[in-house]
Amino acid sequence: MGKGYLEKLSFFMVTSSLSSRAVYASRPKPF
């Protein structure tokens, strides 16, 4: 576990948040 691990983790978190935001924006109303 070093720098590469943290970079992968942060990259995964950013991509997951962006994808979830895109899905949320594509829907008119989730609830």
N, C-alpha and C. Protein backbone atom coordinates (compact mmCIF):
# COMPACT_ATOMS: atom_id res chain seq x y z
N MET A 1 0.85 -1.20 0.00
CA MET A 1 0.00 0.00 0.00
C MET A 1 0.88 1.24 0.00
N GLY A 2 0.85 1.97 -1.09
CA GLY A 2 1.67 3.17 -1.17
C GLY A 2 0.95 4.28 -1.90
N LYS A 3 1.73 5.03 -2.65
CA LYS A 3 1.15 6.17 -3.37
C LYS A 3 0.19 5.70 -4.46
N GLY A 4 0.57 4.65 -5.17
CA GLY A 4 -0.28 4.15 -6.25
C GLY A 4 -1.65 3.72 -5.74
N TYR A 5 -1.66 3.11 -4.53
CA TYR A 5 -2.93 2.65 -3.96
C TYR A 5 -3.85 3.83 -3.68
N LEU A 6 -3.29 4.89 -3.10
CA LEU A 6 -4.10 6.07 -2.79
C LEU A 6 -4.59 6.73 -4.07
N GLU A 7 -3.74 6.77 -5.09
CA GLU A 7 -4.15 7.39 -6.35
C GLU A 7 -5.29 6.59 -6.98
N LYS A 8 -5.19 5.27 -6.94
CA LYS A 8 -6.26 4.43 -7.50
C LYS A 8 -7.54 4.63 -6.71
N LEU A 9 -7.43 4.70 -5.39
CA LEU A 9 -8.62 4.87 -4.55
C LEU A 9 -9.30 6.20 -4.83
N SER A 10 -8.50 7.27 -4.89
CA SER A 10 -9.08 8.60 -5.15
C SER A 10 -9.70 8.63 -6.55
N PHE A 11 -9.03 8.02 -7.52
CA PHE A 11 -9.55 7.99 -8.89
C PHE A 11 -10.88 7.24 -8.93
N PHE A 12 -10.95 6.12 -8.22
CA PHE A 12 -12.19 5.34 -8.18
C PHE A 12 -13.31 6.14 -7.53
N MET A 13 -13.00 6.84 -6.45
CA MET A 13 -14.02 7.64 -5.76
C MET A 13 -14.52 8.76 -6.66
N VAL A 14 -13.61 9.41 -7.37
CA VAL A 14 -14.01 10.52 -8.25
C VAL A 14 -14.88 10.00 -9.39
N THR A 15 -14.46 8.90 -10.01
CA THR A 15 -15.24 8.37 -11.13
C THR A 15 -16.61 7.88 -10.66
N SER A 16 -16.66 7.25 -9.50
CA SER A 16 -17.95 6.76 -9.00
C SER A 16 -18.88 7.92 -8.67
N SER A 17 -18.33 8.99 -8.08
CA SER A 17 -19.16 10.15 -7.75
C SER A 17 -19.65 10.83 -9.03
N LEU A 18 -18.77 10.92 -10.03
CA LEU A 18 -19.17 11.56 -11.29
C LEU A 18 -20.24 10.73 -12.00
N SER A 19 -20.08 9.41 -12.01
CA SER A 19 -21.06 8.56 -12.68
C SER A 19 -22.40 8.62 -11.96
N SER A 20 -22.37 8.61 -10.63
CA SER A 20 -23.62 8.69 -9.88
C SER A 20 -24.29 10.04 -10.12
N ARG A 21 -23.48 11.10 -10.22
CA ARG A 21 -24.04 12.43 -10.48
C ARG A 21 -24.65 12.48 -11.87
N ALA A 22 -24.00 11.83 -12.85
CA ALA A 22 -24.54 11.81 -14.22
C ALA A 22 -25.86 11.04 -14.25
N VAL A 23 -25.92 9.92 -13.55
CA VAL A 23 -27.17 9.14 -13.49
C VAL A 23 -28.26 9.97 -12.82
N TYR A 24 -27.89 10.67 -11.76
CA TYR A 24 -28.87 11.50 -11.04
C TYR A 24 -29.38 12.63 -11.93
N ALA A 25 -28.49 13.20 -12.75
CA ALA A 25 -28.88 14.32 -13.62
C ALA A 25 -29.71 13.81 -14.80
N SER A 26 -29.46 12.58 -15.24
CA SER A 26 -30.19 12.04 -16.40
C SER A 26 -31.64 11.75 -16.03
N ARG A 27 -31.90 11.49 -14.75
CA ARG A 27 -33.27 11.20 -14.33
C ARG A 27 -33.99 12.49 -13.98
N PRO A 28 -35.26 12.61 -14.33
CA PRO A 28 -36.02 13.82 -13.98
C PRO A 28 -36.19 13.93 -12.47
N LYS A 29 -36.62 12.83 -11.82
CA LYS A 29 -36.74 12.82 -10.36
C LYS A 29 -36.54 11.40 -9.85
N PRO A 30 -35.52 11.17 -9.04
CA PRO A 30 -35.25 9.82 -8.54
C PRO A 30 -36.33 9.32 -7.59
N PHE A 31 -36.93 10.22 -6.84
CA PHE A 31 -37.94 9.80 -5.87
C PHE A 31 -39.31 10.36 -6.23
